[in-house]
Amino acid sequence: MAKKTTLDHHLMISMIAEYNSFRDYASRSQTQQNEDIAAFCAVRAVRYCEDAGYNPQSLITDAYEFVMQINSKMKAVSL
């Protein structure tokens, strides 16, 4: 059980680091490079949050919504 707790702790630290990077790049002028980096960080933050067993939709709402927008754009382009 302690191993799972330690893993969750590390996942949450990683999630916070990626979330902070997302917020940083999302707040900058929206060049394509800044948008791409923000998207990369948001996806990683959401993944770390889910892996730790938390709901990213309620914990890191803005990053989660950003990822959902990206997914919608990708689906629209693929059609």
Protein backbone atom coordinates (compact mmCIF):
# COMPACT_ATOMS: atom_id res chain seq x y z
CA MET A 1 0.00 0.00 0.00
CA ALA A 2 2.84 2.45 0.75
CA LYS A 3 4.24 1.91 -2.74
CA LYS A 4 0.92 2.95 -4.33
CA THR A 5 0.77 6.02 -2.10
CA THR A 6 4.31 7.00 -3.07
CA LEU A 7 3.49 6.49 -6.76
CA ASP A 8 0.36 8.62 -6.42
CA HIS A 9 2.41 11.30 -4.68
CA HIS A 10 4.93 11.39 -7.53
CA LEU A 11 2.15 11.44 -10.12
CA MET A 12 0.54 14.42 -8.40
CA ILE A 13 3.88 16.28 -8.26
CA SER A 14 4.31 15.63 -11.98
CA MET A 15 0.73 16.74 -12.63
CA ILE A 16 1.29 20.01 -10.77
CA ALA A 17 4.52 20.68 -12.69
CA GLU A 18 2.84 20.05 -16.06
CA TYR A 19 -0.23 22.06 -15.02
CA ASN A 20 1.95 25.03 -14.07
CA SER A 21 3.73 24.82 -17.43
CA PHE A 22 0.35 24.66 -19.18
CA ARG A 23 -0.84 27.79 -17.34
CA ASP A 24 2.41 29.58 -18.20
CA TYR A 25 2.26 28.84 -21.93
CA ALA A 26 -1.51 29.34 -22.16
CA SER A 27 -1.14 32.84 -20.73
CA ARG A 28 1.54 33.87 -23.23
CA SER A 29 0.82 35.38 -26.63
CA GLN A 30 -0.77 32.67 -28.70
CA THR A 31 1.85 31.80 -31.24
CA GLN A 32 1.65 28.32 -32.73
CA GLN A 33 4.65 27.22 -30.68
CA ASN A 34 3.17 28.45 -27.38
CA GLU A 35 -0.17 26.82 -28.19
CA ASP A 36 1.53 23.51 -29.03
CA ILE A 37 3.54 23.53 -25.80
CA ALA A 38 0.44 24.43 -23.77
CA ALA A 39 -1.42 21.54 -25.41
CA PHE A 40 1.41 19.09 -24.72
CA CYS A 41 1.56 20.14 -21.05
CA ALA A 42 -2.23 20.02 -20.65
CA VAL A 43 -2.42 16.49 -22.06
CA ARG A 44 0.36 15.32 -19.75
CA ALA A 45 -1.21 17.00 -16.71
CA VAL A 46 -4.56 15.33 -17.41
CA ARG A 47 -2.89 11.95 -17.91
CA TYR A 48 -0.91 12.24 -14.63
CA CYS A 49 -4.07 13.26 -12.79
CA GLU A 50 -6.01 10.27 -14.15
CA ASP A 51 -3.13 7.90 -13.40
CA ALA A 52 -3.12 9.10 -9.78
CA GLY A 53 -6.82 8.22 -9.57
CA TYR A 54 -8.29 11.73 -9.59
CA ASN A 55 -10.84 13.32 -11.89
CA PRO A 56 -9.10 15.98 -14.00
CA GLN A 57 -12.46 17.45 -14.98
CA SER A 58 -12.94 18.69 -11.42
CA LEU A 59 -9.32 19.10 -10.30
CA ILE A 60 -7.67 20.90 -13.25
CA THR A 61 -10.74 22.08 -15.11
CA ASP A 62 -9.08 24.56 -17.48
CA ALA A 63 -6.44 22.07 -18.62
CA TYR A 64 -9.11 19.38 -19.07
CA GLU A 65 -11.27 21.71 -21.17
CA PHE A 66 -8.23 22.69 -23.25
CA VAL A 67 -7.58 19.00 -23.98
CA MET A 68 -11.24 18.49 -24.93
CA GLN A 69 -11.00 21.45 -27.37
CA ILE A 70 -7.89 19.93 -28.91
CA ASN A 71 -9.66 16.58 -29.29
CA SER A 72 -12.64 18.29 -30.97
CA LYS A 73 -10.35 20.11 -33.42
CA MET A 74 -8.50 16.88 -34.22
CA LYS A 75 -11.76 15.04 -34.89
CA ALA A 76 -13.04 17.84 -37.12
CA VAL A 77 -9.83 17.84 -39.15
CA SER A 78 -9.89 14.08 -39.59
CA LEU A 79 -13.42 14.11 -41.03
